[in-house]
């Protein structure tokens, strides 16, 4: 574990860029004691509320909480939720640039919770591709943005920000500057990210993309990962839930055992994984070591309620407990 701690201690010097879908997560903490007389639904009395950064913004928040420097580039609507995003970024010390688009709402997810359980989620979003003018503004912002970072995360939640043409342009411009691009896509967007340094699917996504299922004992792990490598020309980190992670890089294929002691909520755990991977690689770790670090950070994240960040102190404590 000393090697991992040595890498983590280098996080404060690392500069990570994030581009993707900005999401504002709102939590309403409720009390439910009766059924509505208007319809057979529970009446939720709001006791408290909380706003946190979600989507690509949560990736940046995790980079920051783990000790790194975070810069983020994304799109929001011209509304009050965009102002809340700016406030949260400023409060957490995240460098940000937001392109505002007329007629597009800032993506927001409102979750109702009672007795520690989620009752409902209300989404406000427009998942159409951003306007060409907005994309042009982001492309114009890329050269100075890339000057500030040493590694880049593309966080695509299919909310329309990372278009196919923008993804290609970002990977091309980052490559010219020798900046590694790590991608966390959703299933319908993987094809856009061929030639990125790394792609991170989960188990279900990996099987669907490869057209082959993992055996229960993962005896065909190498076969499935090689199919994906050929398809995307990228290194891979596949999250396997309770079975940990699988890593494919030039040096070989590895399994990383799960570090989770308890699982309470998996919301945002993938964002924590991406932040740990990027910081680890930027700090000089090979991909296998960076995956081990990110695995420990995800183990801390899933023990928390809702979209959460993990601090470097929590990560170090998880390593010591192990």
Protein backbone atom coordinates (compact mmCIF):
# COMPACT_ATOMS: atom_id res chain seq x y z
CA UNK A 1 0.00 0.00 0.00
CA UNK A 2 2.98 2.33 0.39
CA UNK A 3 3.22 2.68 -3.39
CA UNK A 4 -0.43 3.71 -3.58
CA UNK A 5 -0.03 6.25 -0.78
CA UNK A 6 3.01 7.69 -2.53
CA UNK A 7 0.93 8.27 -5.67
CA UNK A 8 -1.98 9.78 -3.71
CA UNK A 9 0.38 12.22 -2.00
CA UNK A 10 1.19 13.61 -5.47
CA UNK A 11 -2.46 14.42 -6.25
CA UNK A 12 -2.28 18.09 -5.12
CA UNK A 13 0.15 18.88 -7.95
CA UNK A 14 -1.99 17.32 -10.69
CA UNK A 15 -4.20 19.32 -13.08
CA UNK A 16 -7.22 17.46 -14.46
CA UNK A 17 -9.57 18.80 -17.12
CA UNK A 18 -13.20 17.64 -17.44
CA UNK A 19 -15.50 18.24 -20.41
CA UNK A 20 -19.06 16.95 -20.52
CA UNK A 21 -22.63 17.16 -19.32
CA UNK A 22 -23.10 19.43 -16.31
CA UNK A 23 -25.87 18.22 -14.01
CA UNK A 24 -27.29 19.85 -10.90
CA UNK A 25 -28.43 17.23 -8.38
CA UNK A 26 -31.10 18.35 -5.90
CA UNK A 27 -32.05 16.25 -2.89
CA UNK A 28 -35.32 16.78 -1.02
CA UNK A 29 -35.28 15.05 2.36
CA UNK A 30 -38.87 14.27 3.26
CA UNK A 31 -41.08 12.85 5.96
CA UNK A 32 -43.95 10.59 4.89
CA UNK A 33 -46.74 9.89 7.38
CA UNK A 34 -49.91 9.64 5.31
CA UNK A 35 -51.46 8.91 1.93
CA UNK A 36 -52.92 11.75 -0.10
CA UNK A 37 -56.74 12.00 -0.17
CA UNK A 38 -56.45 13.17 -3.80
CA UNK A 39 -54.76 10.01 -5.13
CA UNK A 40 -53.23 6.81 -3.68
CA UNK A 41 -49.77 8.37 -3.34
CA UNK A 42 -47.70 9.28 -0.26
CA UNK A 43 -47.61 12.88 0.92
CA UNK A 44 -43.98 13.96 1.25
CA UNK A 45 -43.33 16.81 3.66
CA UNK A 46 -39.97 18.43 2.82
CA UNK A 47 -37.73 18.84 5.86
CA UNK A 48 -34.51 19.83 4.14
CA UNK A 49 -32.92 20.18 0.71
CA UNK A 50 -29.40 20.00 -0.70
CA UNK A 51 -27.79 20.84 -4.03
CA UNK A 52 -24.68 19.00 -5.24
CA UNK A 53 -22.73 18.79 -8.47
CA UNK A 54 -23.69 15.87 -10.73
CA UNK A 55 -22.61 14.32 -14.03
CA UNK A 56 -19.35 15.75 -15.37
CA UNK A 57 -19.50 18.32 -12.58
CA UNK A 58 -19.34 15.52 -10.01
CA UNK A 59 -16.21 14.16 -11.72
CA UNK A 60 -14.57 17.56 -11.24
CA UNK A 61 -15.81 17.69 -7.64
CA UNK A 62 -14.19 14.31 -6.95
CA UNK A 63 -10.91 15.43 -8.53
CA UNK A 64 -10.97 18.44 -6.22
CA UNK A 65 -11.94 16.51 -3.07
CA UNK A 66 -9.19 13.96 -3.74
CA UNK A 67 -6.74 16.85 -3.68
CA UNK A 68 -6.20 17.60 -7.36
CA UNK A 69 -6.77 20.78 -9.33
CA UNK A 70 -9.91 20.63 -11.50
CA UNK A 71 -10.95 22.67 -14.55
CA UNK A 72 -14.29 22.02 -16.23
CA UNK A 73 -15.87 23.05 -19.53
CA UNK A 74 -19.56 22.49 -20.26
CA UNK A 75 -22.94 23.89 -21.24
CA UNK A 76 -25.90 25.15 -19.22
CA UNK A 77 -29.12 27.05 -19.82
CA UNK A 78 -29.71 30.71 -19.11
CA UNK A 79 -31.54 30.02 -15.87
CA UNK A 80 -31.21 30.07 -12.08
CA UNK A 81 -29.82 26.52 -12.02
CA UNK A 82 -26.79 27.68 -14.02
CA UNK A 83 -26.16 30.27 -11.30
CA UNK A 84 -26.31 27.49 -8.70
CA UNK A 85 -23.73 25.50 -10.68
CA UNK A 86 -21.40 28.49 -10.76
CA UNK A 87 -21.84 28.99 -7.03
CA UNK A 88 -21.03 25.34 -6.27
CA UNK A 89 -17.98 25.39 -8.54
CA UNK A 90 -16.66 28.53 -6.88
CA UNK A 91 -17.31 27.20 -3.40
CA UNK A 92 -15.37 24.01 -4.14
CA UNK A 93 -12.44 25.72 -5.83
CA UNK A 94 -13.15 24.32 -9.30
CA UNK A 95 -12.04 26.39 -12.28
CA UNK A 96 -15.00 26.52 -14.66
CA UNK A 97 -16.13 27.77 -18.06
CA UNK A 98 -19.80 27.41 -18.93
CA UNK A 99 -21.27 28.13 -22.36
CA UNK A 100 -24.86 29.30 -21.88
CA UNK A 101 -27.38 28.27 -24.52
CA UNK A 102 -30.64 30.09 -25.09
CA UNK A 103 -33.74 27.88 -24.79
CA UNK A 104 -31.90 24.97 -23.22
CA UNK A 105 -32.56 24.14 -19.55
CA UNK A 106 -29.67 23.40 -17.24
CA UNK A 107 -29.87 19.64 -16.68
CA UNK A 108 -31.19 18.96 -13.18
CA UNK A 109 -32.27 15.87 -11.27
CA UNK A 110 -34.46 16.20 -8.19
CA UNK A 111 -34.60 13.20 -5.88
CA UNK A 112 -37.20 12.76 -3.13
CA UNK A 113 -35.95 10.73 -0.17
CA UNK A 114 -37.79 9.54 2.92
CA UNK A 115 -36.55 7.23 5.67
CA UNK A 116 -33.27 6.89 3.79
CA UNK A 117 -34.99 5.59 0.63
CA UNK A 118 -35.46 7.28 -2.72
CA UNK A 119 -39.17 7.71 -3.49
CA UNK A 120 -38.98 9.41 -6.87
CA UNK A 121 -36.68 11.25 -9.25
CA UNK A 122 -37.74 14.20 -11.39
CA UNK A 123 -35.50 15.08 -14.38
CA UNK A 124 -35.41 18.39 -16.20
CA UNK A 125 -33.29 18.21 -19.34
CA UNK A 126 -32.96 18.62 -23.09
CA UNK A 127 -30.85 15.79 -24.50
CA UNK A 128 -30.72 17.10 -28.08
CA UNK A 129 -27.26 17.96 -29.41
CA UNK A 130 -26.11 21.45 -28.51
CA UNK A 131 -26.49 24.12 -31.17
CA UNK A 132 -23.71 24.48 -33.73
CA UNK A 133 -22.95 27.97 -32.40
CA UNK A 134 -22.50 26.57 -28.88
CA UNK A 135 -20.23 23.81 -30.16
CA UNK A 136 -18.14 26.40 -32.02
CA UNK A 137 -17.73 28.38 -28.79
CA UNK A 138 -16.54 25.27 -26.95
CA UNK A 139 -14.05 24.44 -29.72
CA UNK A 140 -12.73 28.01 -29.57
CA UNK A 141 -12.24 27.57 -25.81
CA UNK A 142 -10.28 24.33 -26.17
CA UNK A 143 -6.74 25.66 -26.80
CA UNK A 144 -6.56 27.79 -23.62
CA UNK A 145 -8.46 25.13 -21.67
CA UNK A 146 -6.02 22.38 -22.67
CA UNK A 147 -3.09 24.62 -21.70
CA UNK A 148 -4.30 24.44 -18.10
CA UNK A 149 -4.50 20.64 -17.78
CA UNK A 150 -2.22 17.59 -18.05
CA UNK A 151 -4.91 14.92 -18.45
CA UNK A 152 -8.50 15.10 -19.71
CA UNK A 153 -11.76 13.34 -18.84
CA UNK A 154 -14.73 13.29 -21.22
CA UNK A 155 -17.84 12.59 -19.17
CA UNK A 156 -20.74 11.86 -21.52
CA UNK A 157 -24.21 11.37 -20.01
CA UNK A 158 -25.91 11.68 -23.44
CA UNK A 159 -27.37 15.10 -22.60
CA UNK A 160 -26.19 16.56 -25.91
CA UNK A 161 -22.95 18.33 -25.01
CA UNK A 162 -20.32 15.89 -26.32
CA UNK A 163 -21.47 15.60 -29.93
CA UNK A 164 -19.72 13.20 -32.31
CA UNK A 165 -17.90 16.05 -34.06
CA UNK A 166 -16.89 17.65 -30.75
CA UNK A 167 -15.62 14.34 -29.34
CA UNK A 168 -13.46 13.82 -32.42
CA UNK A 169 -12.10 17.37 -32.23
CA UNK A 170 -11.29 17.11 -28.52
CA UNK A 171 -9.45 13.77 -28.92
CA UNK A 172 -7.55 15.18 -31.91
CA UNK A 173 -6.51 18.42 -30.17
CA UNK A 174 -5.58 16.66 -26.93
CA UNK A 175 -3.51 14.15 -28.90
CA UNK A 176 -1.57 16.96 -30.58
CA UNK A 177 -0.63 18.16 -27.09
CA UNK A 178 0.20 14.67 -25.77
CA UNK A 179 -2.70 14.87 -23.32
CA UNK A 180 -4.31 11.52 -22.46
CA UNK A 181 -8.10 11.42 -22.83
CA UNK A 182 -10.13 9.18 -20.50
CA UNK A 183 -13.76 8.61 -21.46
CA UNK A 184 -16.81 7.61 -19.44
CA UNK A 185 -19.63 7.25 -22.01
CA UNK A 186 -23.14 5.87 -21.84
CA UNK A 187 -23.98 2.81 -24.02
CA UNK A 188 -25.33 4.72 -27.01
CA UNK A 189 -22.29 7.01 -27.29
CA UNK A 190 -19.25 4.68 -27.18
CA UNK A 191 -18.64 4.77 -30.92
CA UNK A 192 -17.76 8.48 -30.75
CA UNK A 193 -14.64 7.89 -28.67
CA UNK A 194 -12.45 5.58 -30.74
CA UNK A 195 -8.73 6.36 -30.29
CA UNK A 196 -9.11 7.84 -26.81
CA UNK A 197 -6.40 6.75 -24.36
CA UNK A 198 -8.95 4.91 -22.18
CA UNK A 199 -12.62 3.96 -22.21
CA UNK A 200 -14.46 2.86 -19.06
CA UNK A 201 -17.54 0.67 -19.63
CA UNK A 202 -19.30 -1.27 -16.90
CA UNK A 203 -19.81 -5.02 -17.18
CA UNK A 204 -23.18 -4.86 -18.91
CA UNK A 205 -21.97 -2.25 -21.40
CA UNK A 206 -18.79 -4.22 -22.15
CA UNK A 207 -20.78 -7.37 -22.89
CA UNK A 208 -23.20 -5.53 -25.16
CA UNK A 209 -20.42 -3.78 -27.06
CA UNK A 210 -18.37 -6.96 -27.47
CA UNK A 211 -21.36 -9.12 -28.34
CA UNK A 212 -20.15 -11.67 -25.78
CA UNK A 213 -20.88 -12.34 -22.11
CA UNK A 214 -18.24 -12.88 -19.44
CA UNK A 215 -18.14 -16.41 -18.05
CA UNK A 216 -18.99 -16.64 -14.33
CA UNK A 217 -15.32 -17.26 -13.54
CA UNK A 218 -14.14 -14.67 -16.10
CA UNK A 219 -12.15 -17.36 -17.92
CA UNK A 220 -12.90 -15.52 -21.19
CA UNK A 221 -11.93 -12.08 -19.82
CA UNK A 222 -9.04 -11.68 -22.23
CA UNK A 223 -11.19 -12.62 -25.22
CA UNK A 224 -13.91 -10.07 -24.42
CA UNK A 225 -11.46 -7.26 -23.66
CA UNK A 226 -9.49 -7.88 -26.86
CA UNK A 227 -12.70 -7.55 -28.88
CA UNK A 228 -13.29 -4.15 -27.27
CA UNK A 229 -9.69 -3.08 -27.76
CA UNK A 230 -9.89 -3.84 -31.46
CA UNK A 231 -13.20 -2.01 -31.72
CA UNK A 232 -12.12 1.21 -29.98
CA UNK A 233 -8.31 1.20 -30.22
CA UNK A 234 -8.16 2.18 -26.55
CA UNK A 235 -7.02 0.92 -23.18
CA UNK A 236 -9.89 -0.31 -21.03
CA UNK A 237 -11.05 -0.28 -17.44
CA UNK A 238 -14.22 -2.34 -17.05
CA UNK A 239 -16.06 -2.00 -13.74
CA UNK A 240 -17.47 -5.38 -12.67
CA UNK A 241 -19.55 -4.43 -9.64
CA UNK A 242 -18.93 -6.83 -6.74
CA UNK A 243 -16.18 -8.47 -8.82
CA UNK A 244 -14.02 -5.34 -8.91
CA UNK A 245 -12.45 -4.19 -12.16
CA UNK A 246 -10.73 -5.52 -15.25
CA UNK A 247 -7.89 -3.58 -16.85
CA UNK A 248 -6.44 -3.85 -20.34
CA UNK A 249 -3.34 -1.90 -21.32
CA UNK A 250 -0.33 -2.49 -23.53
CA UNK A 251 1.48 -4.40 -20.77
CA UNK A 252 -1.33 -6.90 -20.27
CA UNK A 253 -4.72 -7.69 -18.73
CA UNK A 254 -5.37 -7.57 -14.97
CA UNK A 255 -8.13 -8.08 -12.44
CA UNK A 256 -8.53 -5.69 -9.52
CA UNK A 257 -10.59 -7.01 -6.61
CA UNK A 258 -13.41 -4.90 -5.19
CA UNK A 259 -12.58 -2.63 -2.28
CA UNK A 260 -16.17 -1.90 -1.19
CA UNK A 261 -16.94 -2.94 2.39
CA UNK A 262 -20.62 -1.99 2.15
CA UNK A 263 -22.82 -0.70 -0.68
CA UNK A 264 -25.45 1.89 0.21
CA UNK A 265 -25.85 3.92 -2.99
CA UNK A 266 -24.00 3.59 -6.32
CA UNK A 267 -25.01 7.08 -7.53
CA UNK A 268 -21.96 8.82 -8.96
CA UNK A 269 -19.54 6.00 -8.16
CA UNK A 270 -18.40 5.93 -11.79
CA UNK A 271 -17.49 9.61 -11.50
CA UNK A 272 -15.31 8.80 -8.50
CA UNK A 273 -13.60 6.03 -10.48
CA UNK A 274 -12.81 8.43 -13.33
CA UNK A 275 -11.37 11.05 -10.97
CA UNK A 276 -9.14 8.46 -9.28
CA UNK A 277 -7.95 7.05 -12.61
CA UNK A 278 -7.06 10.47 -14.01
CA UNK A 279 -5.25 11.64 -10.89
CA UNK A 280 -3.37 8.36 -10.58
CA UNK A 281 -2.16 8.42 -14.18
CA UNK A 282 -1.27 12.13 -13.99
CA UNK A 283 0.72 11.39 -10.82
CA UNK A 284 2.84 8.84 -12.68
CA UNK A 285 1.05 5.56 -11.92
CA UNK A 286 0.66 2.84 -14.52
CA UNK A 287 -2.92 1.99 -15.44
CA UNK A 288 -3.14 -1.03 -13.14
CA UNK A 289 -1.99 1.02 -10.12
CA UNK A 290 -4.33 3.90 -11.02
CA UNK A 291 -7.20 1.39 -11.27
CA UNK A 292 -6.39 0.06 -7.79
CA UNK A 293 -6.51 3.59 -6.39
CA UNK A 294 -9.78 4.40 -8.15
CA UNK A 295 -11.23 1.10 -6.93
CA UNK A 296 -10.56 2.08 -3.33
CA UNK A 297 -12.08 5.52 -3.87
CA UNK A 298 -15.22 3.95 -5.39
CA UNK A 299 -15.45 1.64 -2.39
CA UNK A 300 -15.73 4.71 -0.17
CA UNK A 301 -18.24 6.43 -2.49
CA UNK A 302 -20.78 3.59 -2.60
CA UNK A 303 -21.02 3.58 1.19
CA UNK A 304 -22.46 7.13 1.05
CA UNK A 305 -25.97 8.36 0.28
CA UNK A 306 -26.53 9.98 -3.09
CA UNK A 307 -24.06 11.67 -5.42
CA UNK A 308 -20.98 11.97 -3.24
CA UNK A 309 -17.33 12.95 -3.31
CA UNK A 310 -14.42 11.17 -1.65
CA UNK A 311 -11.65 13.03 0.17
CA UNK A 312 -7.98 12.10 0.07
CA UNK A 313 -8.16 11.49 3.84
CA UNK A 314 -11.01 8.98 3.34
CA UNK A 315 -9.10 7.29 0.53
CA UNK A 316 -5.96 6.96 2.64
CA UNK A 317 -7.97 5.57 5.54
CA UNK A 318 -9.55 2.96 3.22
CA UNK A 319 -6.06 1.88 2.18
CA UNK A 320 -4.94 1.55 5.79
CA UNK A 321 -8.01 -0.51 6.72
CA UNK A 322 -7.28 -2.87 3.80
